[in-house]
Amino acid sequence: MKTIKEGAQYMKIGDKVSVVDEDLSGIITSVNGNIVVFKDEYGFTYQYPKEKLVPKNAELYENIRVVRKAEPKKVTSKKHQKNHMVLDLHFHHLVKNPSDYDSFERLFIQKAKLIEVLEFCRKHHLKRLEIVHGIGDGTLQKMVMDVLESQTDIDFYNKEILHHQSGAVMIEFH
């Protein structure tokens, strides 16, 4: 009876084997030098070099202890672990005496602040920015949308499903 020495194991006619990297197994029917012939469960015969076969023997694995290793934690930078930045464009958050400014000056200051914060986010590689513009008469909301539409490498969407009821816009930088 011919046998093949494979590592510390001997494979012989009648042994079960599996093909490496294929879903194919069977019982060895003959050995001719380096070529092993085996028959699968359906009666088909296959020939493979011995280095492509492994013994299919459950007893080989009985005394092997399985060690479960902890999955390594994904490393993320600290600036991406914190919550996204929020820019509130309500005018009383931007200046000390809001009543000292007319409506045109207010909108100009809000637009300048928006552009400044967008540049800050890009410079510091922030991924997300929430802009709170409120609902109001829609003037500030329109200005925010106009500025965002003129920007490149960003996606933005209203935070609420009903866009006209949304008082905020979320921006994601690419």
Protein backbone atom coordinates (compact mmCIF):
# COMPACT_ATOMS: atom_id res chain seq x y z
CA MET A 1 0.00 0.00 0.00
CA LYS A 2 1.46 3.37 -1.03
CA THR A 3 1.46 6.21 1.47
CA ILE A 4 2.42 9.86 1.21
CA LYS A 5 4.28 11.49 4.05
CA GLU A 6 2.80 14.96 4.61
CA GLY A 7 4.40 16.76 7.57
CA ALA A 8 4.09 14.37 10.52
CA GLN A 9 0.98 12.77 8.96
CA TYR A 10 0.83 9.90 6.48
CA MET A 11 -1.91 9.89 3.86
CA LYS A 12 -2.80 6.47 2.47
CA ILE A 13 -5.37 4.88 0.18
CA GLY A 14 -8.73 5.07 1.92
CA ASP A 15 -7.95 8.34 3.79
CA LYS A 16 -10.17 11.38 3.41
CA VAL A 17 -8.49 14.48 1.92
CA SER A 18 -9.49 18.03 0.99
CA VAL A 19 -8.08 20.23 -1.74
CA VAL A 20 -6.41 23.43 -0.56
CA ASP A 21 -8.28 26.59 -1.70
CA GLU A 22 -11.17 24.61 -3.23
CA ASP A 23 -14.40 23.20 -1.88
CA LEU A 24 -13.52 19.67 -2.91
CA SER A 25 -12.83 16.55 -0.90
CA GLY A 26 -12.88 12.79 -1.23
CA ILE A 27 -11.21 9.46 -0.45
CA ILE A 28 -7.77 8.55 -1.84
CA THR A 29 -8.00 5.74 -4.43
CA SER A 30 -4.40 5.66 -5.70
CA VAL A 31 -1.01 7.32 -5.50
CA ASN A 32 1.40 7.65 -8.42
CA GLY A 33 4.59 9.48 -7.40
CA ASN A 34 3.59 13.04 -6.53
CA ILE A 35 0.07 12.67 -7.99
CA VAL A 36 -2.78 11.61 -5.72
CA VAL A 37 -6.07 10.33 -7.17
CA PHE A 38 -9.23 10.59 -5.07
CA LYS A 39 -12.93 10.07 -5.57
CA ASP A 40 -15.54 12.55 -4.29
CA GLU A 41 -18.90 11.66 -2.73
CA TYR A 42 -20.56 11.63 -6.18
CA GLY A 43 -18.08 9.15 -7.67
CA PHE A 44 -16.05 11.65 -9.72
CA THR A 45 -12.29 11.09 -9.80
CA TYR A 46 -9.73 13.91 -9.41
CA GLN A 47 -5.93 14.09 -9.64
CA TYR A 48 -3.92 16.61 -7.64
CA PRO A 49 -0.28 17.00 -6.61
CA LYS A 50 0.20 15.97 -2.98
CA GLU A 51 1.07 19.55 -1.89
CA LYS A 52 -2.45 20.68 -2.89
CA LEU A 53 -4.08 18.18 -0.48
CA VAL A 54 -4.57 18.10 3.27
CA PRO A 55 -5.86 15.25 5.40
CA LYS A 56 -9.52 15.57 6.34
CA ASN A 57 -9.43 14.01 9.76
CA ALA A 58 -11.33 15.50 12.69
CA GLU A 59 -9.03 13.71 15.16
CA LEU A 60 -6.16 15.94 14.05
CA TYR A 61 -7.88 18.89 15.71
CA GLU A 62 -9.14 17.29 18.92
CA ASN A 63 -6.20 18.22 21.13
CA ILE A 64 -5.59 21.68 19.67
CA ARG A 65 -6.51 24.50 22.00
CA VAL A 66 -8.28 27.41 20.34
CA VAL A 67 -7.11 30.81 21.55
CA ARG A 68 -9.43 33.71 20.87
CA LYS A 69 -7.57 36.95 20.45
CA ALA A 70 -9.21 40.25 21.25
CA GLU A 71 -9.98 42.29 18.16
CA PRO A 72 -7.72 45.30 17.92
CA LYS A 73 -9.51 48.60 18.41
CA LYS A 74 -9.68 50.82 15.40
CA VAL A 75 -7.45 53.82 15.88
CA THR A 76 -9.14 57.12 15.16
CA SER A 77 -7.70 60.53 15.66
CA LYS A 78 -8.93 62.50 18.65
CA LYS A 79 -10.37 65.28 16.52
CA HIS A 80 -12.70 62.77 14.84
CA GLN A 81 -13.86 61.27 18.14
CA LYS A 82 -15.52 64.42 19.34
CA ASN A 83 -18.89 65.69 18.15
CA HIS A 84 -19.19 67.77 15.02
CA MET A 85 -18.72 71.54 15.15
CA VAL A 86 -21.84 73.73 15.39
CA LEU A 87 -22.07 77.27 14.01
CA ASP A 88 -25.08 79.19 15.29
CA LEU A 89 -25.74 82.12 12.94
CA HIS A 90 -28.36 83.77 15.16
CA PHE A 91 -27.11 87.33 15.20
CA HIS A 92 -27.15 87.81 18.98
CA HIS A 93 -24.47 85.04 19.18
CA LEU A 94 -22.16 86.89 16.80
CA VAL A 95 -22.03 90.46 18.21
CA LYS A 96 -22.43 92.21 21.57
CA ASN A 97 -25.08 94.78 20.63
CA PRO A 98 -27.29 93.34 17.85
CA SER A 99 -29.56 96.40 17.82
CA ASP A 100 -26.65 98.56 16.57
CA TYR A 101 -26.79 96.93 13.11
CA ASP A 102 -29.28 97.21 10.25
CA SER A 103 -30.52 94.14 8.36
CA PHE A 104 -27.96 94.47 5.53
CA GLU A 105 -25.04 94.68 7.99
CA ARG A 106 -26.41 91.69 9.91
CA LEU A 107 -26.58 89.51 6.81
CA PHE A 108 -23.10 90.65 5.72
CA ILE A 109 -21.60 89.74 9.14
CA GLN A 110 -23.40 86.37 9.17
CA LYS A 111 -22.12 85.56 5.67
CA ALA A 112 -18.54 86.55 6.62
CA LYS A 113 -18.74 84.35 9.74
CA LEU A 114 -20.06 81.40 7.69
CA ILE A 115 -17.23 81.65 5.15
CA GLU A 116 -14.66 82.04 7.96
CA VAL A 117 -15.90 78.87 9.70
CA LEU A 118 -15.96 76.89 6.44
CA GLU A 119 -12.31 77.83 5.85
CA PHE A 120 -11.46 76.91 9.46
CA CYS A 121 -13.05 73.46 9.03
CA ARG A 122 -11.11 72.82 5.83
CA LYS A 123 -7.83 74.02 7.33
CA HIS A 124 -8.25 71.74 10.37
CA HIS A 125 -9.58 68.77 8.33
CA LEU A 126 -12.87 68.59 10.19
CA LYS A 127 -15.38 66.20 8.66
CA ARG A 128 -18.73 67.67 9.71
CA LEU A 129 -20.23 71.08 10.49
CA GLU A 130 -23.76 71.92 11.55
CA ILE A 131 -25.00 75.39 10.65
CA VAL A 132 -27.93 76.67 12.70
CA HIS A 133 -29.71 79.44 10.79
CA GLY A 134 -33.18 79.24 12.30
CA ILE A 135 -36.48 79.38 10.41
CA GLY A 136 -37.46 83.07 10.38
CA ASP A 137 -38.43 84.68 7.07
CA GLY A 138 -35.97 82.56 5.06
CA THR A 139 -33.47 85.30 4.16
CA LEU A 140 -30.63 83.86 6.24
CA GLN A 141 -31.48 80.32 5.15
CA LYS A 142 -31.30 81.37 1.47
CA MET A 143 -27.96 83.13 2.01
CA VAL A 144 -26.57 79.98 3.71
CA MET A 145 -27.74 77.79 0.82
CA ASP A 146 -26.26 80.21 -1.75
CA VAL A 147 -22.88 80.12 0.01
CA LEU A 148 -22.93 76.32 0.35
CA GLU A 149 -23.87 75.81 -3.30
CA SER A 150 -20.83 77.89 -4.30
CA GLN A 151 -18.47 75.63 -2.30
CA THR A 152 -16.63 72.57 -3.60
CA ASP A 153 -15.89 69.22 -1.94
CA ILE A 154 -18.85 69.30 0.44
CA ASP A 155 -22.20 67.59 0.78
CA PHE A 156 -24.98 69.28 2.72
CA TYR A 157 -28.51 68.47 3.70
CA ASN A 158 -31.24 69.84 5.92
CA LYS A 159 -31.47 68.18 9.30
CA GLU A 160 -35.27 67.83 9.14
CA ILE A 161 -37.34 65.89 6.62
CA LEU A 162 -39.50 68.93 5.88
CA HIS A 163 -36.91 71.36 4.49
CA HIS A 164 -38.95 74.51 5.13
CA GLN A 165 -39.19 73.56 8.84
CA SER A 166 -35.48 72.90 9.19
CA GLY A 167 -33.52 75.46 11.15
CA ALA A 168 -30.18 73.77 10.53
CA VAL A 169 -28.00 72.34 7.75
CA MET A 170 -25.44 69.55 8.16
CA ILE A 171 -22.28 69.73 6.05
CA GLU A 172 -19.87 66.90 5.36
CA PHE A 173 -16.45 67.77 3.97
CA HIS A 174 -14.65 65.47 1.51
